[in-house]
N, C-alpha and C. Protein backbone atom coordinates (compact mmCIF):
# COMPACT_ATOMS: atom_id res chain seq x y z
N MET A 1 -11.79 34.64 -17.68
CA MET A 1 -12.27 33.50 -18.48
C MET A 1 -11.92 32.13 -18.04
N THR A 2 -13.00 31.34 -18.06
CA THR A 2 -12.91 29.93 -17.35
C THR A 2 -12.92 28.89 -18.56
N ALA A 3 -12.11 28.01 -18.37
CA ALA A 3 -12.00 26.67 -19.42
C ALA A 3 -12.61 25.47 -18.67
N ALA A 4 -13.51 24.90 -19.86
CA ALA A 4 -14.37 23.83 -19.41
C ALA A 4 -13.61 22.43 -19.82
N ILE A 5 -13.61 21.45 -18.95
CA ILE A 5 -12.85 20.08 -19.25
C ILE A 5 -13.98 19.23 -19.38
N SER A 6 -14.01 18.64 -20.50
CA SER A 6 -14.75 17.67 -20.61
C SER A 6 -14.11 16.21 -20.62
N ASN A 7 -15.10 15.05 -20.50
CA ASN A 7 -14.26 13.54 -20.42
C ASN A 7 -13.65 13.52 -21.78
N GLN A 8 -13.97 14.06 -22.87
CA GLN A 8 -13.20 13.53 -23.89
C GLN A 8 -11.74 14.28 -23.90
N SER A 9 -11.47 15.13 -23.18
CA SER A 9 -10.41 15.64 -23.28
C SER A 9 -9.18 15.10 -22.23
N LEU A 10 -9.79 14.32 -21.48
CA LEU A 10 -8.94 13.51 -20.34
C LEU A 10 -8.69 12.29 -20.98
N PRO A 11 -7.26 11.77 -20.66
CA PRO A 11 -6.90 10.50 -21.15
C PRO A 11 -7.59 9.48 -20.10
N LEU A 12 -8.24 8.52 -20.75
CA LEU A 12 -8.64 7.32 -19.80
C LEU A 12 -7.78 6.16 -19.57
N GLN A 13 -7.62 5.95 -18.45
CA GLN A 13 -6.95 4.74 -18.39
C GLN A 13 -7.88 3.59 -18.13
N ALA A 14 -7.31 2.38 -18.68
CA ALA A 14 -8.29 1.09 -18.61
C ALA A 14 -8.15 0.40 -17.12
N PRO A 15 -8.84 -0.11 -16.60
CA PRO A 15 -8.77 -0.67 -15.19
C PRO A 15 -7.68 -1.87 -15.49
N ALA A 16 -6.87 -2.00 -14.44
CA ALA A 16 -6.20 -3.17 -14.15
C ALA A 16 -6.82 -4.41 -13.68
N TYR A 17 -6.61 -5.37 -14.21
CA TYR A 17 -7.10 -6.69 -13.55
C TYR A 17 -6.20 -7.69 -12.86
N ALA A 18 -6.16 -8.30 -11.87
CA ALA A 18 -5.63 -9.40 -11.30
C ALA A 18 -6.05 -10.43 -11.45
N VAL A 19 -5.47 -11.57 -11.85
CA VAL A 19 -6.04 -12.95 -11.99
C VAL A 19 -5.49 -13.71 -10.96
N VAL A 20 -6.31 -14.18 -10.08
CA VAL A 20 -5.82 -14.85 -8.83
C VAL A 20 -6.23 -16.20 -8.87
N GLU A 21 -5.22 -17.22 -8.96
CA GLU A 21 -5.55 -18.84 -8.89
C GLU A 21 -5.57 -19.60 -7.63
N LEU A 22 -6.73 -19.77 -7.20
CA LEU A 22 -7.02 -20.35 -6.03
C LEU A 22 -7.71 -21.72 -5.91
N ASP A 23 -7.89 -22.39 -5.02
CA ASP A 23 -8.71 -23.45 -4.90
C ASP A 23 -9.95 -23.20 -4.87
N ARG A 24 -10.73 -23.98 -5.65
CA ARG A 24 -12.00 -23.55 -5.84
C ARG A 24 -12.94 -23.16 -4.40
N MET A 25 -13.00 -23.68 -3.53
CA MET A 25 -13.73 -23.12 -2.47
C MET A 25 -13.12 -22.00 -1.79
N VAL A 26 -11.83 -21.77 -1.76
CA VAL A 26 -10.98 -20.61 -1.15
C VAL A 26 -11.41 -19.51 -2.25
N ARG A 27 -11.51 -19.51 -3.61
CA ARG A 27 -11.89 -18.67 -4.61
C ARG A 27 -13.20 -18.25 -4.21
N TRP A 28 -13.96 -19.06 -4.18
CA TRP A 28 -15.57 -18.73 -3.74
C TRP A 28 -15.68 -17.55 -2.48
N ASP A 29 -14.83 -18.05 -1.41
CA ASP A 29 -14.86 -17.24 -0.21
C ASP A 29 -14.02 -15.87 -0.43
N VAL A 30 -13.29 -15.83 -1.27
CA VAL A 30 -12.49 -14.61 -1.59
C VAL A 30 -13.25 -13.70 -2.55
N TYR A 31 -14.17 -14.41 -3.42
CA TYR A 31 -14.94 -13.63 -4.40
C TYR A 31 -16.14 -12.93 -3.51
N LEU A 32 -16.58 -13.73 -2.58
CA LEU A 32 -17.61 -13.05 -1.79
C LEU A 32 -17.40 -11.97 -1.00
N ARG A 33 -16.08 -12.12 -0.43
CA ARG A 33 -15.53 -11.02 0.46
C ARG A 33 -15.42 -9.82 -0.38
N LEU A 34 -14.53 -9.88 -1.56
CA LEU A 34 -14.29 -8.72 -2.31
C LEU A 34 -15.52 -8.13 -2.91
N GLN A 35 -16.75 -8.85 -2.96
CA GLN A 35 -17.94 -8.34 -3.22
C GLN A 35 -18.64 -7.44 -2.17
N GLU A 36 -18.45 -7.92 -0.96
CA GLU A 36 -18.72 -7.09 0.09
C GLU A 36 -17.91 -5.93 0.37
N LEU A 37 -16.90 -5.76 -0.15
CA LEU A 37 -15.99 -4.52 -0.06
C LEU A 37 -15.94 -3.71 -1.21
N SER A 38 -17.10 -4.06 -2.06
CA SER A 38 -17.20 -3.33 -3.40
C SER A 38 -16.12 -3.19 -4.33
N ILE A 39 -15.45 -4.39 -4.16
CA ILE A 39 -14.17 -4.60 -5.39
C ILE A 39 -14.68 -5.30 -6.41
N PRO A 40 -14.68 -4.67 -7.70
CA PRO A 40 -15.31 -5.54 -8.84
C PRO A 40 -14.51 -6.68 -9.39
N CYS A 41 -15.32 -7.69 -9.45
CA CYS A 41 -14.70 -9.08 -9.50
C CYS A 41 -15.34 -10.11 -10.11
N GLN A 42 -14.93 -11.17 -10.84
CA GLN A 42 -15.70 -12.18 -11.66
C GLN A 42 -15.11 -13.34 -11.10
N CYS A 43 -16.00 -14.19 -10.79
CA CYS A 43 -15.56 -15.75 -10.51
C CYS A 43 -16.34 -16.77 -11.14
N LYS A 44 -16.14 -17.00 -12.47
CA LYS A 44 -16.94 -17.89 -13.24
C LYS A 44 -16.56 -19.47 -13.07
N LEU A 45 -17.47 -20.05 -13.31
CA LEU A 45 -17.51 -21.56 -13.23
C LEU A 45 -16.17 -22.26 -13.64
N GLY A 46 -15.35 -22.73 -12.81
CA GLY A 46 -14.09 -23.62 -13.49
C GLY A 46 -12.92 -22.40 -13.87
N ALA A 47 -13.23 -21.30 -13.54
CA ALA A 47 -12.15 -20.33 -14.01
C ALA A 47 -11.35 -19.51 -12.93
N ARG A 48 -10.31 -19.00 -13.31
CA ARG A 48 -9.61 -18.14 -12.19
C ARG A 48 -10.37 -17.12 -11.70
N LEU A 49 -10.21 -16.43 -10.66
CA LEU A 49 -10.85 -15.18 -10.23
C LEU A 49 -10.36 -14.14 -10.71
N GLN A 50 -10.88 -13.18 -11.34
CA GLN A 50 -10.56 -11.85 -11.93
C GLN A 50 -10.71 -10.55 -11.03
N VAL A 51 -10.08 -9.94 -10.83
CA VAL A 51 -10.41 -8.82 -9.89
C VAL A 51 -9.90 -7.50 -10.27
N GLN A 52 -10.76 -6.53 -10.35
CA GLN A 52 -10.49 -5.13 -10.86
C GLN A 52 -9.55 -4.48 -9.81
N VAL A 53 -8.23 -4.01 -10.07
CA VAL A 53 -7.61 -3.48 -9.02
C VAL A 53 -7.35 -1.86 -9.59
N ASP A 54 -8.06 -1.18 -8.90
CA ASP A 54 -8.20 0.46 -9.35
C ASP A 54 -6.98 1.26 -8.64
N GLY A 55 -6.20 0.75 -7.83
CA GLY A 55 -5.16 1.56 -7.07
C GLY A 55 -4.68 0.51 -5.93
N VAL A 56 -3.98 1.40 -5.13
CA VAL A 56 -3.20 0.64 -3.95
C VAL A 56 -3.94 0.26 -3.05
N ALA A 57 -5.16 0.93 -2.71
CA ALA A 57 -6.06 0.58 -1.53
C ALA A 57 -6.83 -0.92 -1.98
N ALA A 58 -7.09 -0.96 -3.29
CA ALA A 58 -7.59 -2.29 -3.69
C ALA A 58 -6.73 -3.52 -3.64
N ALA A 59 -5.51 -3.07 -4.21
CA ALA A 59 -4.49 -4.22 -4.28
C ALA A 59 -4.19 -4.63 -2.73
N ILE A 60 -4.08 -3.89 -1.72
CA ILE A 60 -3.78 -4.26 -0.53
C ILE A 60 -5.11 -5.03 0.01
N GLN A 61 -6.19 -4.53 -0.13
CA GLN A 61 -7.57 -5.37 0.22
C GLN A 61 -7.70 -6.82 -0.37
N LEU A 62 -7.14 -6.74 -1.76
CA LEU A 62 -7.18 -7.96 -2.28
C LEU A 62 -6.04 -8.89 -1.55
N TRP A 63 -4.84 -8.41 -1.24
CA TRP A 63 -3.92 -9.27 -0.68
C TRP A 63 -4.18 -9.54 0.58
N CYS A 64 -5.06 -8.50 1.48
CA CYS A 64 -5.32 -9.17 2.86
C CYS A 64 -6.64 -10.21 2.76
N VAL A 65 -7.45 -10.27 2.00
CA VAL A 65 -8.41 -11.03 1.86
C VAL A 65 -7.91 -12.21 1.42
N VAL A 66 -7.14 -12.42 0.49
CA VAL A 66 -6.55 -13.98 0.11
C VAL A 66 -5.58 -14.45 1.11
N GLN A 67 -5.07 -13.44 1.89
CA GLN A 67 -4.11 -14.07 3.00
C GLN A 67 -5.25 -14.35 4.02
N SER A 68 -6.19 -13.65 4.54
CA SER A 68 -7.02 -14.23 5.45
C SER A 68 -7.79 -15.35 5.09
N CYS A 69 -8.09 -15.65 3.91
CA CYS A 69 -8.58 -16.90 3.29
C CYS A 69 -7.71 -18.41 3.08
N THR A 70 -6.59 -17.84 2.95
CA THR A 70 -5.51 -18.78 2.85
C THR A 70 -4.68 -19.24 3.80
N ALA A 71 -4.66 -18.40 4.96
CA ALA A 71 -3.61 -18.91 5.98
C ALA A 71 -4.41 -19.69 6.85
N ASP A 72 -3.44 -20.54 7.49
CA ASP A 72 -3.96 -21.57 8.32
C ASP A 72 -4.04 -21.12 9.68
N LYS A 73 -4.89 -21.98 10.54
CA LYS A 73 -5.28 -21.46 11.93
C LYS A 73 -3.97 -21.00 12.84
N VAL A 74 -2.71 -21.59 12.59
CA VAL A 74 -1.62 -21.08 13.35
C VAL A 74 -1.17 -19.87 13.23
N SER A 75 -1.12 -19.48 11.68
CA SER A 75 -0.89 -18.17 11.38
C SER A 75 -1.90 -16.91 11.93
N HIS A 76 -3.29 -17.29 11.76
CA HIS A 76 -4.15 -16.56 12.46
C HIS A 76 -4.04 -16.24 13.80
N THR A 77 -3.78 -17.63 14.46
CA THR A 77 -3.33 -17.43 15.98
C THR A 77 -2.25 -16.40 16.39
N ALA A 78 -1.02 -16.56 15.62
CA ALA A 78 0.03 -15.74 15.78
C ALA A 78 -0.11 -14.38 15.38
N HIS A 79 -0.94 -14.05 14.56
CA HIS A 79 -1.23 -12.72 14.14
C HIS A 79 -2.01 -11.93 15.28
N LEU A 80 -3.14 -12.71 15.93
CA LEU A 80 -3.85 -12.07 16.55
C LEU A 80 -3.02 -11.87 18.10
N GLU A 81 -2.24 -12.79 18.31
CA GLU A 81 -1.17 -12.78 19.59
C GLU A 81 -0.20 -11.55 19.36
N ARG A 82 0.20 -11.37 18.14
CA ARG A 82 1.02 -9.92 17.86
C ARG A 82 0.22 -8.79 18.13
N CYS A 83 -0.90 -8.70 17.72
CA CYS A 83 -1.90 -7.68 17.71
C CYS A 83 -2.27 -7.38 19.28
N TRP A 84 -2.61 -8.43 20.01
CA TRP A 84 -2.64 -8.29 21.54
C TRP A 84 -1.50 -7.70 22.09
N GLN A 85 -0.47 -7.96 21.63
CA GLN A 85 0.77 -7.49 22.28
C GLN A 85 1.28 -6.19 21.96
N LEU A 86 0.47 -5.53 21.03
CA LEU A 86 0.79 -4.12 20.84
C LEU A 86 0.37 -3.19 21.84
N LYS A 87 0.78 -2.20 22.04
CA LYS A 87 0.52 -1.20 23.16
C LYS A 87 0.10 -0.03 22.70
N CYS A 88 -1.16 0.59 23.27
CA CYS A 88 -1.85 1.66 22.41
C CYS A 88 -1.36 2.60 23.36
N PRO A 89 -0.73 3.61 22.68
CA PRO A 89 -0.25 5.06 23.29
C PRO A 89 -1.37 5.95 23.83
N HIS A 90 -1.04 6.01 25.23
CA HIS A 90 -2.26 6.92 25.94
C HIS A 90 -1.65 8.15 26.63
């Protein structure tokens, strides 16, 4: 005997949204990058950025995008220097 599972019997969880407050120009850059990553988000004129965060991966991607768009040149340079210093195991 097999059991059929329908969508009606599964509990549905509402998506979680993060509201991100950023400078207007940075907000637009973050919005465009999240769109490229296929992360659902809204950026209405004069409003804060709303991002649908469906899991850990989306949360990490959101954090990384915000960091990359808000960090200054010195921070980016320091990060790249740390990456170059990492040794690949061969």
